[in-house]
Amino acid sequence: MKKTIYHGSNKIIEKPLFGFGKLKNDYGLGFYCTEELDMAKEWGVSKDADGYANIYKIETKGL
């Protein structure tokens, strides 16, 4: 089964890679995604700049 997930960012990220996030994130270094588009939009913006809601499709069969 395919699932759609979202990642909010200040840039477009074509291929997610682990290890390039903010070290002092709430949950540590990682590539955080959500199933909620609105949440990703909120995460992607700052006071000073617009952002992006990156969209990914993942296969969940076998997980």
C-alpha atoms as a PDB file:
ATOM      1  CA  MET A   1       0.000   0.000   0.000  1.00  0.00           C
ATOM      2  CA  LYS A   2       1.350   3.437  -0.899  1.00  0.00           C
ATOM      3  CA  LYS A   3       1.097   6.281   1.574  1.00  0.00           C
ATOM      4  CA  THR A   4       1.563  10.021   1.025  1.00  0.00           C
ATOM      5  CA  ILE A   5       3.717  11.883   3.541  1.00  0.00           C
ATOM      6  CA  TYR A   6       4.887  15.503   3.691  1.00  0.00           C
ATOM      7  CA  HIS A   7       7.997  17.323   4.859  1.00  0.00           C
ATOM      8  CA  GLY A   8       8.021  21.079   5.516  1.00  0.00           C
ATOM      9  CA  SER A   9      11.229  22.898   4.582  1.00  0.00           C
ATOM     10  CA  ASN A  10      12.671  26.185   3.403  1.00  0.00           C
ATOM     11  CA  LYS A  11      13.732  24.398   0.191  1.00  0.00           C
ATOM     12  CA  ILE A  12      12.600  21.713  -2.216  1.00  0.00           C
ATOM     13  CA  ILE A  13      14.069  18.338  -1.299  1.00  0.00           C
ATOM     14  CA  GLU A  14      13.859  15.877  -4.180  1.00  0.00           C
ATOM     15  CA  LYS A  15      15.448  12.933  -2.365  1.00  0.00           C
ATOM     16  CA  PRO A  16      15.380  12.821   1.451  1.00  0.00           C
ATOM     17  CA  LEU A  17      18.731  12.038   3.072  1.00  0.00           C
ATOM     18  CA  PHE A  18      19.341  11.338   6.731  1.00  0.00           C
ATOM     19  CA  GLY A  19      22.012  13.387   8.486  1.00  0.00           C
ATOM     20  CA  PHE A  20      21.415  16.875   7.112  1.00  0.00           C
ATOM     21  CA  GLY A  21      18.833  18.196   9.578  1.00  0.00           C
ATOM     22  CA  LYS A  22      19.258  20.389  12.624  1.00  0.00           C
ATOM     23  CA  LEU A  23      21.221  18.584  15.331  1.00  0.00           C
ATOM     24  CA  LYS A  24      19.287  20.300  18.133  1.00  0.00           C
ATOM     25  CA  ASN A  25      15.799  19.436  16.844  1.00  0.00           C
ATOM     26  CA  ASP A  26      13.233  18.409  19.476  1.00  0.00           C
ATOM     27  CA  TYR A  27      13.703  14.721  18.633  1.00  0.00           C
ATOM     28  CA  GLY A  28      17.315  14.823  17.473  1.00  0.00           C
ATOM     29  CA  LEU A  29      18.817  14.550  14.020  1.00  0.00           C
ATOM     30  CA  GLY A  30      16.381  13.142  11.494  1.00  0.00           C
ATOM     31  CA  PHE A  31      14.161  13.748   8.495  1.00  0.00           C
ATOM     32  CA  TYR A  32      10.725  14.411   9.930  1.00  0.00           C
ATOM     33  CA  CYS A  33       7.527  13.864   7.968  1.00  0.00           C
ATOM     34  CA  THR A  34       3.814  14.038   8.659  1.00  0.00           C
ATOM     35  CA  GLU A  35       0.655  12.699   7.068  1.00  0.00           C
ATOM     36  CA  GLU A  36      -0.902  16.164   7.477  1.00  0.00           C
ATOM     37  CA  LEU A  37      -0.306  18.628   4.625  1.00  0.00           C
ATOM     38  CA  ASP A  38      -1.216  21.652   6.766  1.00  0.00           C
ATOM     39  CA  MET A  39       1.333  20.661   9.408  1.00  0.00           C
ATOM     40  CA  ALA A  40       4.095  20.391   6.795  1.00  0.00           C
ATOM     41  CA  LYS A  41       3.157  23.832   5.463  1.00  0.00           C
ATOM     42  CA  GLU A  42       3.459  25.237   8.983  1.00  0.00           C
ATOM     43  CA  TRP A  43       6.859  23.588   9.533  1.00  0.00           C
ATOM     44  CA  GLY A  44       8.165  24.918   6.215  1.00  0.00           C
ATOM     45  CA  VAL A  45       7.743  28.635   6.864  1.00  0.00           C
ATOM     46  CA  SER A  46       9.456  31.098   9.162  1.00  0.00           C
ATOM     47  CA  LYS A  47       8.747  34.690  10.168  1.00  0.00           C
ATOM     48  CA  ASP A  48      10.994  35.918   7.383  1.00  0.00           C
ATOM     49  CA  ALA A  49      10.498  33.445   4.525  1.00  0.00           C
ATOM     50  CA  ASP A  50       8.040  31.252   2.693  1.00  0.00           C
ATOM     51  CA  GLY A  51       8.589  27.528   2.589  1.00  0.00           C
ATOM     52  CA  TYR A  52       7.637  24.316   0.833  1.00  0.00           C
ATOM     53  CA  ALA A  53       5.599  21.243   1.644  1.00  0.00           C
ATOM     54  CA  ASN A  54       7.565  18.458  -0.024  1.00  0.00           C
ATOM     55  CA  ILE A  55       5.415  15.481  -0.992  1.00  0.00           C
ATOM     56  CA  TYR A  56       6.601  11.867  -0.971  1.00  0.00           C
ATOM     57  CA  LYS A  57       4.924   8.540  -1.735  1.00  0.00           C
ATOM     58  CA  ILE A  58       6.214   5.561   0.225  1.00  0.00           C
ATOM     59  CA  GLU A  59       5.405   1.886   0.018  1.00  0.00           C
ATOM     60  CA  THR A  60       4.279   0.616   3.413  1.00  0.00           C
ATOM     61  CA  LYS A  61       3.662  -3.020   2.526  1.00  0.00           C
ATOM     62  CA  GLY A  62       5.949  -5.162   4.647  1.00  0.00           C
ATOM     63  CA  LEU A  63       6.727  -2.493   7.241  1.00  0.00           C
END
